Amino acid sequence: LQKEIVGRLETYKAQSSNMVWCTIGDFNCVRRLEERQGEMEYEYKGGECREFNYFIGDMEVEDIPLEGRGFTWYVLNGKAKSLPKRIMVS
């Protein structure tokens, strides 16, 4: 995750009296190594998963499981796939 965006979200959460959160987007990272398969696996580091999971915990949101498809991003040749898109709610 980009530190600037994470910082803004954490600041906004700290300053907000709103207790209900819904965060939707392409976070460009995954929670577990098995959520990324194919050509880009060798480049991926487990530390990014840890950081993303810490962010989810800090924001106090739950990751809504994806129904149907196992992945939300594919390389056209099908050799790589990932699950960067998420819906998270408090």
C-alpha atoms as a PDB file:
ATOM      1  CA  LEU A   1       0.000   0.000   0.000  1.00  0.00           C
ATOM      2  CA  GLN A   2       1.131   3.512  -0.656  1.00  0.00           C
ATOM      3  CA  LYS A   3       2.127   5.057   2.655  1.00  0.00           C
ATOM      4  CA  GLU A   4       0.611   8.425   1.691  1.00  0.00           C
ATOM      5  CA  ILE A   5      -2.835   6.919   1.089  1.00  0.00           C
ATOM      6  CA  VAL A   6      -2.638   4.770   4.222  1.00  0.00           C
ATOM      7  CA  GLY A   7      -1.691   7.849   6.239  1.00  0.00           C
ATOM      8  CA  ARG A   8      -4.637   9.812   4.880  1.00  0.00           C
ATOM      9  CA  LEU A   9      -7.093   7.006   5.628  1.00  0.00           C
ATOM     10  CA  GLU A  10      -5.737   6.565   9.172  1.00  0.00           C
ATOM     11  CA  THR A  11      -5.915  10.332   9.808  1.00  0.00           C
ATOM     12  CA  TYR A  12      -9.434  10.539   8.433  1.00  0.00           C
ATOM     13  CA  LYS A  13     -10.526   7.612  10.609  1.00  0.00           C
ATOM     14  CA  ALA A  14      -8.957   9.168  13.724  1.00  0.00           C
ATOM     15  CA  GLN A  15     -10.672  12.519  13.115  1.00  0.00           C
ATOM     16  CA  SER A  16     -14.058  11.086  12.147  1.00  0.00           C
ATOM     17  CA  SER A  17     -16.869  10.359  14.557  1.00  0.00           C
ATOM     18  CA  ASN A  18     -18.283   7.915  12.012  1.00  0.00           C
ATOM     19  CA  MET A  19     -18.045   4.344  13.306  1.00  0.00           C
ATOM     20  CA  VAL A  20     -19.214   2.687  10.074  1.00  0.00           C
ATOM     21  CA  TRP A  21     -16.676   2.164   7.297  1.00  0.00           C
ATOM     22  CA  CYS A  22     -16.867   0.713   3.807  1.00  0.00           C
ATOM     23  CA  THR A  23     -13.666   0.696   1.792  1.00  0.00           C
ATOM     24  CA  ILE A  24     -13.775  -0.506  -1.815  1.00  0.00           C
ATOM     25  CA  GLY A  25     -10.931  -0.601  -4.265  1.00  0.00           C
ATOM     26  CA  ASP A  26      -7.926  -2.139  -5.893  1.00  0.00           C
ATOM     27  CA  PHE A  27      -5.370  -2.236  -3.095  1.00  0.00           C
ATOM     28  CA  ASN A  28      -2.651  -3.611  -5.388  1.00  0.00           C
ATOM     29  CA  CYS A  29      -1.598  -6.134  -2.749  1.00  0.00           C
ATOM     30  CA  VAL A  30      -2.922  -9.373  -1.316  1.00  0.00           C
ATOM     31  CA  ARG A  31      -3.559 -10.743   2.186  1.00  0.00           C
ATOM     32  CA  ARG A  32      -2.151 -14.231   1.605  1.00  0.00           C
ATOM     33  CA  LEU A  33       0.509 -15.528  -0.791  1.00  0.00           C
ATOM     34  CA  GLU A  34      -1.972 -17.924  -2.424  1.00  0.00           C
ATOM     35  CA  GLU A  35      -3.988 -14.914  -3.629  1.00  0.00           C
ATOM     36  CA  ARG A  36      -1.262 -14.228  -6.201  1.00  0.00           C
ATOM     37  CA  GLN A  37      -0.250 -16.894  -8.712  1.00  0.00           C
ATOM     38  CA  GLY A  38       1.812 -17.142 -11.861  1.00  0.00           C
ATOM     39  CA  GLU A  39       4.632 -15.173 -13.419  1.00  0.00           C
ATOM     40  CA  MET A  40       4.818 -12.518 -10.722  1.00  0.00           C
ATOM     41  CA  GLU A  41       4.994 -14.900  -7.731  1.00  0.00           C
ATOM     42  CA  TYR A  42       8.794 -14.831  -7.645  1.00  0.00           C
ATOM     43  CA  GLU A  43       8.759 -11.034  -7.204  1.00  0.00           C
ATOM     44  CA  TYR A  44       6.295 -11.086  -4.346  1.00  0.00           C
ATOM     45  CA  LYS A  45       7.379 -10.749  -0.732  1.00  0.00           C
ATOM     46  CA  GLY A  46       5.427 -11.986   2.288  1.00  0.00           C
ATOM     47  CA  GLY A  47       6.165  -8.739   4.156  1.00  0.00           C
ATOM     48  CA  GLU A  48       3.684  -6.944   1.924  1.00  0.00           C
ATOM     49  CA  CYS A  49       0.964  -9.370   3.071  1.00  0.00           C
ATOM     50  CA  ARG A  50       1.860  -8.666   6.699  1.00  0.00           C
ATOM     51  CA  GLU A  51       1.699  -4.892   6.165  1.00  0.00           C
ATOM     52  CA  PHE A  52      -1.663  -5.139   4.394  1.00  0.00           C
ATOM     53  CA  ASN A  53      -3.095  -7.290   7.197  1.00  0.00           C
ATOM     54  CA  TYR A  54      -1.828  -4.782   9.787  1.00  0.00           C
ATOM     55  CA  PHE A  55      -3.543  -1.995   7.832  1.00  0.00           C
ATOM     56  CA  ILE A  56      -6.824  -3.954   7.833  1.00  0.00           C
ATOM     57  CA  GLY A  57      -6.503  -4.498  11.587  1.00  0.00           C
ATOM     58  CA  ASP A  58      -5.629  -0.855  12.275  1.00  0.00           C
ATOM     59  CA  MET A  59      -8.620   0.332  10.240  1.00  0.00           C
ATOM     60  CA  GLU A  60     -10.822  -2.170  12.151  1.00  0.00           C
ATOM     61  CA  VAL A  61     -12.503  -3.477   8.993  1.00  0.00           C
ATOM     62  CA  GLU A  62     -13.461  -6.963   7.810  1.00  0.00           C
ATOM     63  CA  ASP A  63     -12.546  -8.235   4.361  1.00  0.00           C
ATOM     64  CA  ILE A  64     -15.723  -9.435   2.606  1.00  0.00           C
ATOM     65  CA  PRO A  65     -14.986 -12.758   0.833  1.00  0.00           C
ATOM     66  CA  LEU A  66     -15.235 -12.797  -2.939  1.00  0.00           C
ATOM     67  CA  GLU A  67     -18.034 -14.978  -4.318  1.00  0.00           C
ATOM     68  CA  GLY A  68     -17.626 -16.820  -7.599  1.00  0.00           C
ATOM     69  CA  ARG A  69     -14.285 -15.908  -9.116  1.00  0.00           C
ATOM     70  CA  GLY A  70     -11.123 -16.671  -7.194  1.00  0.00           C
ATOM     71  CA  PHE A  71      -9.172 -13.768  -8.680  1.00  0.00           C
ATOM     72  CA  THR A  72      -9.989 -10.227  -9.820  1.00  0.00           C
ATOM     73  CA  TRP A  73      -6.921  -9.487 -11.961  1.00  0.00           C
ATOM     74  CA  TYR A  74      -5.483 -11.562 -14.816  1.00  0.00           C
ATOM     75  CA  VAL A  75      -2.715 -11.214 -17.376  1.00  0.00           C
ATOM     76  CA  LEU A  76      -4.213 -11.650 -20.842  1.00  0.00           C
ATOM     77  CA  ASN A  77      -2.245 -14.862 -21.465  1.00  0.00           C
ATOM     78  CA  GLY A  78      -3.630 -16.317 -18.213  1.00  0.00           C
ATOM     79  CA  LYS A  79      -0.182 -17.030 -16.747  1.00  0.00           C
ATOM     80  CA  ALA A  80      -0.612 -14.666 -13.806  1.00  0.00           C
ATOM     81  CA  LYS A  81      -3.561 -13.773 -11.594  1.00  0.00           C
ATOM     82  CA  SER A  82      -4.163 -11.938  -8.369  1.00  0.00           C
ATOM     83  CA  LEU A  83      -6.829 -10.756  -5.918  1.00  0.00           C
ATOM     84  CA  PRO A  84      -6.106  -7.040  -5.326  1.00  0.00           C
ATOM     85  CA  LYS A  85      -9.722  -5.761  -5.408  1.00  0.00           C
ATOM     86  CA  ARG A  86     -11.431  -5.731  -2.035  1.00  0.00           C
ATOM     87  CA  ILE A  87     -14.551  -4.659  -0.205  1.00  0.00           C
ATOM     88  CA  MET A  88     -13.906  -4.077   3.486  1.00  0.00           C
ATOM     89  CA  VAL A  89     -16.456  -2.949   6.073  1.00  0.00           C
ATOM     90  CA  SER A  90     -16.504  -2.180   9.781  1.00  0.00           C
END
